[in-house]
Amino acid sequence: MKKTILTILTLALLAALTGCSKKSASSDSMVQREYYATENTSSGIYSDVMVYSDMDLSSDKESLSDQKPEAPAAEPVPIERKLIRTGPITVEVESLADTREKINSWVSRWNGYIANSSEGPSSLSCTIRIPSIYFDLAVNEAYGLGKLRSKSIQAQDVTDQYYDLQTRLDTKIILQERYQSYLKQAKDIEELLAVERKLNDVTSEVEAMKGQLKLLNSQVDYSTIVLDARLPPNETEQGFTLPDTKSGFKNFLGTAAGFFNGIMFFLLYLILFGVPIILLAALLWWLCFGKIGLIRKLFKKANSGSSGPNEKK
């Protein structure tokens, strides 16, 4: 009996010691794992490399993986579109003088300017440059200058052309700066002249590209509106006018006279040049093949000379 009790106590003591050792090992492993996770996370780089004990910690690993910080998605940088916008507009108005004043007020209100203009008895045409940011508003207001007859809003996308030109210009400017530095380091006259030639070529290309880029910027920053204001048909600034019948009849008579004048000159040229040509052709025929028939007689002599010796034989 005493042996049985002693055996039970020994087994219980061993079980207690074994549980304590496993708990200690698990605690040490968790401390080490948390240390590595903390170190890697604080440095901005999370690593799944940790120190594990012999016990299974897959569930702990999955829970830590779920807490892994996600890197923010990189948003694409928006590209500013470069558009050249134009808007031909035709309106019918009652007075060109009033319309001219309205156009001047309308252009100044939108910080634009009139590039060129032309005026006739019954129409007024203006090419107007408006800042692109006000283009739509300015066009909508232009419809109120008169009775709208036609419009055509167009937009040309030059984004690729613009940024390609800008990139090539930046590259050429870098090359220009390098040639300028090479020019200071030239050792002799020959090397100096060679670098100067290259520098002049690059400088010319840079200036040409700057001019193209400046023109594109101007066309993009300022949109173009071609405004054509017209009076009603058969009207001028002074009022209604009938069609000019007298001038139309004069034009008809002038056209008819020109037609008959052309026929007369044609007959005259035919008589002056055609008749002598015909007479000359008839004379040549008469001399060569007609009554005199010089060529005809030559053919006869040639034929008789070739057949004579054969008949004697």
Protein backbone atom coordinates (compact mmCIF):
# COMPACT_ATOMS: atom_id res chain seq x y z
CA MET A 1 0.00 0.00 0.00
CA LYS A 2 2.77 2.38 0.89
CA LYS A 3 4.46 1.61 -2.45
CA THR A 4 1.26 2.41 -4.36
CA ILE A 5 0.84 5.74 -2.59
CA LEU A 6 4.51 6.62 -3.21
CA THR A 7 4.17 5.79 -6.89
CA ILE A 8 1.08 8.00 -7.25
CA LEU A 9 2.81 10.95 -5.55
CA THR A 10 5.88 10.55 -7.77
CA LEU A 11 3.77 10.56 -10.94
CA ALA A 12 1.85 13.64 -9.78
CA LEU A 13 5.12 15.50 -9.05
CA LEU A 14 6.51 14.62 -12.48
CA ALA A 15 3.31 15.79 -14.20
CA ALA A 16 3.47 19.11 -12.35
CA LEU A 17 7.11 19.67 -13.28
CA THR A 18 6.43 18.81 -16.96
CA GLY A 19 3.50 21.30 -17.18
CA CYS A 20 5.59 24.11 -15.72
CA SER A 21 8.42 23.52 -18.21
CA LYS A 22 6.01 23.55 -21.17
CA LYS A 23 4.34 26.73 -19.95
CA SER A 24 7.70 28.41 -19.52
CA ALA A 25 8.84 27.39 -22.99
CA SER A 26 5.59 28.65 -24.50
CA SER A 27 5.95 31.97 -22.70
CA ASP A 28 9.57 32.38 -23.85
CA SER A 29 8.58 31.60 -27.45
CA MET A 30 5.75 34.12 -27.37
CA VAL A 31 8.06 36.81 -25.99
CA GLN A 32 10.62 36.17 -28.71
CA ARG A 33 7.92 36.14 -31.39
CA GLU A 34 6.45 39.43 -30.17
CA TYR A 35 9.92 40.96 -30.06
CA TYR A 36 10.66 40.13 -33.72
CA ALA A 37 7.21 41.25 -34.82
CA THR A 38 7.63 44.54 -32.94
CA GLU A 39 11.10 45.20 -34.32
CA ASN A 40 10.10 44.51 -37.95
CA THR A 41 6.87 46.47 -37.70
CA SER A 42 8.52 49.52 -36.14
CA SER A 43 11.03 49.67 -38.98
CA GLY A 44 8.22 49.83 -41.52
CA ILE A 45 8.83 46.33 -42.88
CA TYR A 46 6.73 43.52 -41.49
CA SER A 47 8.34 40.10 -41.56
CA ASP A 48 6.82 36.71 -41.02
CA VAL A 49 10.17 35.34 -39.82
CA MET A 50 9.75 34.55 -36.11
CA VAL A 51 11.25 32.21 -33.57
CA TYR A 52 8.88 29.36 -32.74
CA SER A 53 9.15 26.66 -30.15
CA ASP A 54 8.48 23.03 -30.87
CA MET A 55 4.81 23.53 -30.09
CA ASP A 56 2.31 24.33 -32.93
CA LEU A 57 1.75 28.10 -33.24
CA SER A 58 0.02 28.14 -36.65
CA SER A 59 -3.10 29.76 -35.20
CA ASP A 60 -1.04 32.53 -33.62
CA LYS A 61 0.79 33.07 -36.90
CA GLU A 62 -2.47 33.46 -38.81
CA SER A 63 -3.78 35.94 -36.27
CA LEU A 64 -0.61 38.04 -36.60
CA SER A 65 -0.78 37.84 -40.40
CA ASP A 66 -4.28 39.26 -40.25
CA GLN A 67 -2.89 42.28 -38.38
CA LYS A 68 -0.26 42.98 -41.09
CA PRO A 69 -0.54 46.65 -42.14
CA GLU A 70 -1.60 47.20 -45.75
CA ALA A 71 0.48 49.55 -47.87
CA PRO A 72 -1.61 52.45 -49.24
CA ALA A 73 -2.42 52.07 -52.95
CA ALA A 74 -0.50 54.50 -55.12
CA GLU A 75 -2.95 56.84 -56.83
CA PRO A 76 -2.15 57.68 -60.47
CA VAL A 77 -1.03 61.25 -61.02
CA PRO A 78 -3.72 62.99 -63.12
CA ILE A 79 -2.51 64.37 -66.44
CA GLU A 80 -3.74 67.81 -67.40
CA ARG A 81 -5.40 67.54 -70.79
CA LYS A 82 -4.31 70.07 -73.40
CA LEU A 83 -7.20 71.05 -75.67
CA ILE A 84 -7.39 73.59 -78.49
CA ARG A 85 -11.02 74.70 -78.66
CA THR A 86 -12.67 76.69 -81.45
CA GLY A 87 -16.26 77.82 -81.93
CA PRO A 88 -17.49 79.34 -85.22
CA ILE A 89 -20.85 81.03 -84.56
CA THR A 90 -23.21 82.76 -87.01
CA VAL A 91 -26.01 85.02 -85.76
CA GLU A 92 -28.56 87.22 -87.48
CA VAL A 93 -28.80 90.74 -86.02
CA GLU A 94 -30.87 93.86 -86.59
CA SER A 95 -28.06 96.42 -86.44
CA LEU A 96 -24.35 96.06 -87.05
CA ALA A 97 -23.50 99.16 -85.00
CA ASP A 98 -25.32 97.87 -81.92
CA THR A 99 -23.81 94.41 -82.42
CA ARG A 100 -20.31 95.90 -82.59
CA GLU A 101 -20.80 97.57 -79.20
CA LYS A 102 -22.24 94.39 -77.70
CA ILE A 103 -19.27 92.38 -78.96
CA ASN A 104 -16.77 94.81 -77.43
CA SER A 105 -18.56 94.66 -74.07
CA TRP A 106 -18.88 90.87 -74.24
CA VAL A 107 -15.17 90.38 -75.05
CA SER A 108 -13.96 92.66 -72.24
CA ARG A 109 -16.27 90.97 -69.74
CA TRP A 110 -14.56 87.61 -70.34
CA ASN A 111 -11.01 89.07 -70.39
CA GLY A 112 -10.59 88.30 -74.09
CA TYR A 113 -9.48 90.32 -77.09
CA ILE A 114 -10.41 90.72 -80.77
CA ALA A 115 -7.61 89.29 -82.91
CA ASN A 116 -9.01 90.63 -86.21
CA SER A 117 -12.29 91.83 -87.66
CA SER A 118 -13.86 92.78 -90.99
CA GLU A 119 -17.11 94.54 -91.84
CA GLY A 120 -19.22 94.81 -95.00
CA PRO A 121 -22.54 96.48 -95.91
CA SER A 122 -24.57 93.68 -94.33
CA SER A 123 -22.16 91.57 -92.21
CA LEU A 124 -19.59 91.80 -89.44
CA SER A 125 -16.97 89.12 -88.77
CA CYS A 126 -14.67 88.95 -85.72
CA THR A 127 -12.01 86.47 -84.59
CA ILE A 128 -12.04 86.56 -80.79
CA ARG A 129 -9.63 84.96 -78.28
CA ILE A 130 -11.18 84.04 -74.93
CA PRO A 131 -9.42 82.39 -71.94
CA SER A 132 -10.17 78.68 -72.13
CA ILE A 133 -11.58 78.58 -68.60
CA TYR A 134 -14.37 80.94 -69.73
CA PHE A 135 -14.94 79.36 -73.15
CA ASP A 136 -18.23 77.57 -72.44
CA LEU A 137 -19.73 80.52 -70.56
CA ALA A 138 -18.65 82.97 -73.26
CA VAL A 139 -20.09 80.80 -76.05
CA ASN A 140 -23.44 80.49 -74.27
CA GLU A 141 -23.58 84.26 -73.87
CA ALA A 142 -22.61 84.80 -77.54
CA TYR A 143 -25.82 83.05 -78.58
CA GLY A 144 -27.70 86.01 -77.12
CA LEU A 145 -26.07 88.55 -79.45
CA GLY A 146 -28.65 87.75 -82.14
CA LYS A 147 -30.73 85.03 -83.69
CA LEU A 148 -28.54 81.92 -83.82
CA ARG A 149 -28.11 80.56 -87.36
CA SER A 150 -25.25 78.08 -86.98
CA LYS A 151 -22.60 76.94 -84.51
CA SER A 152 -19.79 74.38 -84.47
CA ILE A 153 -17.87 73.76 -81.25
CA GLN A 154 -14.66 71.80 -81.84
CA ALA A 155 -11.86 70.57 -79.54
CA GLN A 156 -8.49 69.24 -80.66
CA ASP A 157 -6.59 67.13 -78.11
CA VAL A 158 -2.86 67.96 -78.27
CA THR A 159 -1.92 66.40 -74.91
CA ASP A 160 0.49 63.81 -76.33
CA GLN A 161 2.06 66.34 -78.69
CA TYR A 162 2.47 68.88 -75.89
CA TYR A 163 4.14 66.58 -73.34
CA ASP A 164 6.29 64.91 -75.99
CA LEU A 165 7.55 68.33 -77.08
CA GLN A 166 8.13 69.33 -73.44
CA THR A 167 10.15 66.15 -72.79
CA ARG A 168 12.28 66.61 -75.90
CA LEU A 169 12.87 70.25 -74.99
CA ASP A 170 14.05 69.31 -71.48
CA THR A 171 16.43 66.74 -72.97
CA LYS A 172 17.83 69.27 -75.44
CA ILE A 173 18.35 71.83 -72.67
CA ILE A 174 20.36 69.26 -70.66
CA LEU A 175 22.43 68.51 -73.76
CA GLN A 176 22.92 72.23 -74.32
CA GLU A 177 24.25 72.68 -70.78
CA ARG A 178 26.66 69.77 -71.27
CA TYR A 179 28.02 71.27 -74.49
CA GLN A 180 28.49 74.57 -72.67
CA SER A 181 30.54 72.80 -70.00
CA TYR A 182 32.52 70.95 -72.70
CA LEU A 183 33.20 74.29 -74.36
CA LYS A 184 34.93 75.55 -71.21
CA GLN A 185 37.07 72.40 -71.08
CA ALA A 186 38.19 72.46 -74.73
CA LYS A 187 41.96 71.91 -75.04
CA ASP A 188 42.64 73.20 -78.56
CA ILE A 189 41.05 75.22 -81.37
CA GLU A 190 39.85 72.15 -83.29
CA GLU A 191 38.03 70.74 -80.29
CA LEU A 192 36.64 74.19 -79.49
CA LEU A 193 35.19 74.61 -83.00
CA ALA A 194 33.67 71.12 -82.98
CA VAL A 195 31.91 71.75 -79.66
CA GLU A 196 30.71 75.16 -80.85
CA ARG A 197 29.12 73.61 -83.94
CA LYS A 198 27.30 71.05 -81.83
CA LEU A 199 26.25 73.74 -79.36
CA ASN A 200 24.88 75.97 -82.13
CA ASP A 201 22.84 73.10 -83.58
CA VAL A 202 21.37 72.21 -80.20
CA THR A 203 20.66 75.88 -79.42
CA SER A 204 18.75 76.26 -82.69
CA GLU A 205 16.67 73.19 -81.88
CA VAL A 206 15.98 74.48 -78.36
CA GLU A 207 14.77 77.85 -79.66
CA ALA A 208 12.55 76.20 -82.29
CA MET A 209 10.99 73.88 -79.67
CA LYS A 210 10.42 76.81 -77.32
CA GLY A 211 8.59 78.62 -80.10
CA GLN A 212 6.40 75.58 -80.82
CA LEU A 213 5.66 75.13 -77.12
CA LYS A 214 4.79 78.81 -76.75
CA LEU A 215 2.38 78.57 -79.70
CA LEU A 216 0.73 75.47 -78.23
CA ASN A 217 0.38 77.18 -74.85
CA SER A 218 -1.22 80.19 -76.51
CA GLN A 219 -3.70 78.02 -78.41
CA VAL A 220 -4.52 75.99 -75.30
CA ASP A 221 -4.80 78.91 -72.88
CA TYR A 222 -6.92 81.04 -75.23
CA SER A 223 -9.76 79.48 -77.20
CA THR A 224 -10.91 80.97 -80.52
CA ILE A 225 -14.45 82.08 -81.32
CA VAL A 226 -15.17 83.21 -84.89
CA LEU A 227 -18.32 85.33 -84.66
CA ASP A 228 -20.15 86.15 -87.90
CA ALA A 229 -23.02 88.64 -87.47
CA ARG A 230 -25.27 89.17 -90.50
CA LEU A 231 -28.25 91.35 -91.27
CA PRO A 232 -31.43 89.78 -92.65
CA PRO A 233 -31.41 89.06 -96.43
CA ASN A 234 -31.64 92.08 -98.76
CA GLU A 235 -30.99 94.48 -95.89
CA THR A 236 -28.18 96.89 -95.15
CA GLU A 237 -27.51 99.15 -92.19
CA GLN A 238 -29.75 101.77 -93.84
CA GLY A 239 -32.73 99.41 -94.12
CA PHE A 240 -34.44 97.12 -96.66
CA THR A 241 -33.18 97.24 -100.26
CA LEU A 242 -34.59 95.63 -103.40
CA PRO A 243 -32.36 93.48 -105.56
CA ASP A 244 -30.33 95.57 -108.02
CA THR A 245 -32.09 94.63 -111.27
CA LYS A 246 -30.17 97.17 -113.30
CA SER A 247 -26.82 95.79 -112.27
CA GLY A 248 -28.05 92.24 -112.91
CA PHE A 249 -29.18 93.16 -116.43
CA LYS A 250 -25.85 94.85 -117.09
CA ASN A 251 -24.01 91.75 -115.96
CA PHE A 252 -26.16 89.62 -118.27
CA LEU A 253 -25.42 91.85 -121.25
CA GLY A 254 -21.73 91.83 -120.42
CA THR A 255 -21.68 88.03 -120.26
CA ALA A 256 -23.54 87.71 -123.59
CA ALA A 257 -21.25 90.22 -125.26
CA GLY A 258 -18.22 88.34 -124.00
CA PHE A 259 -19.60 85.07 -125.39
CA PHE A 260 -20.19 86.48 -128.89
CA ASN A 261 -16.88 88.30 -128.76
CA GLY A 262 -15.16 84.97 -128.13
CA ILE A 263 -16.92 83.37 -131.12
CA MET A 264 -15.86 86.23 -133.41
CA PHE A 265 -12.24 85.94 -132.35
CA PHE A 266 -12.37 82.19 -132.92
CA LEU A 267 -13.61 82.66 -136.52
CA LEU A 268 -11.02 85.35 -137.11
CA TYR A 269 -8.20 83.07 -135.93
CA LEU A 270 -9.61 80.28 -138.10
CA ILE A 271 -9.57 82.51 -141.19
CA LEU A 272 -6.12 83.97 -140.53
CA PHE A 273 -4.38 80.72 -139.73
CA GLY A 274 -6.65 77.92 -140.98
CA VAL A 275 -7.04 79.04 -144.62
CA PRO A 276 -3.27 79.43 -145.29
CA ILE A 277 -2.62 76.03 -143.74
CA ILE A 278 -5.27 74.43 -145.94
CA LEU A 279 -3.87 76.13 -149.12
CA LEU A 280 -0.34 75.03 -148.25
CA ALA A 281 -1.46 71.44 -147.77
CA ALA A 282 -3.28 71.49 -151.15
CA LEU A 283 -0.18 72.85 -152.91
CA LEU A 284 2.02 70.11 -151.49
CA TRP A 285 -0.45 67.46 -152.60
CA TRP A 286 -0.58 68.93 -156.12
CA LEU A 287 3.22 68.98 -156.41
CA CYS A 288 3.81 65.53 -154.98
CA PHE A 289 0.80 63.44 -155.98
CA GLY A 290 -1.41 65.64 -158.19
CA LYS A 291 -1.07 66.78 -161.77
CA ILE A 292 2.66 67.39 -161.53
CA GLY A 293 3.19 64.41 -159.23
CA LEU A 294 6.93 64.59 -158.61
CA ILE A 295 6.93 61.79 -156.10
CA ARG A 296 4.61 59.72 -158.26
CA LYS A 297 7.03 60.05 -161.23
CA LEU A 298 9.97 59.06 -159.07
CA PHE A 299 8.19 55.87 -158.04
CA LYS A 300 7.46 55.06 -161.69
CA LYS A 301 11.11 55.50 -162.71
CA ALA A 302 12.25 53.34 -159.86
CA ASN A 303 9.82 50.60 -160.82
CA SER A 304 10.75 50.69 -164.51
CA GLY A 305 14.49 50.56 -163.74
CA SER A 306 14.10 47.47 -161.57
CA SER A 307 11.96 45.53 -164.11
CA GLY A 308 13.96 46.37 -167.33
CA PRO A 309 16.88 43.84 -167.09
CA ASN A 310 14.52 41.02 -166.26
CA GLU A 311 12.51 41.54 -169.48
CA LYS A 312 15.71 41.40 -171.67
CA LYS A 313 16.71 38.09 -170.26
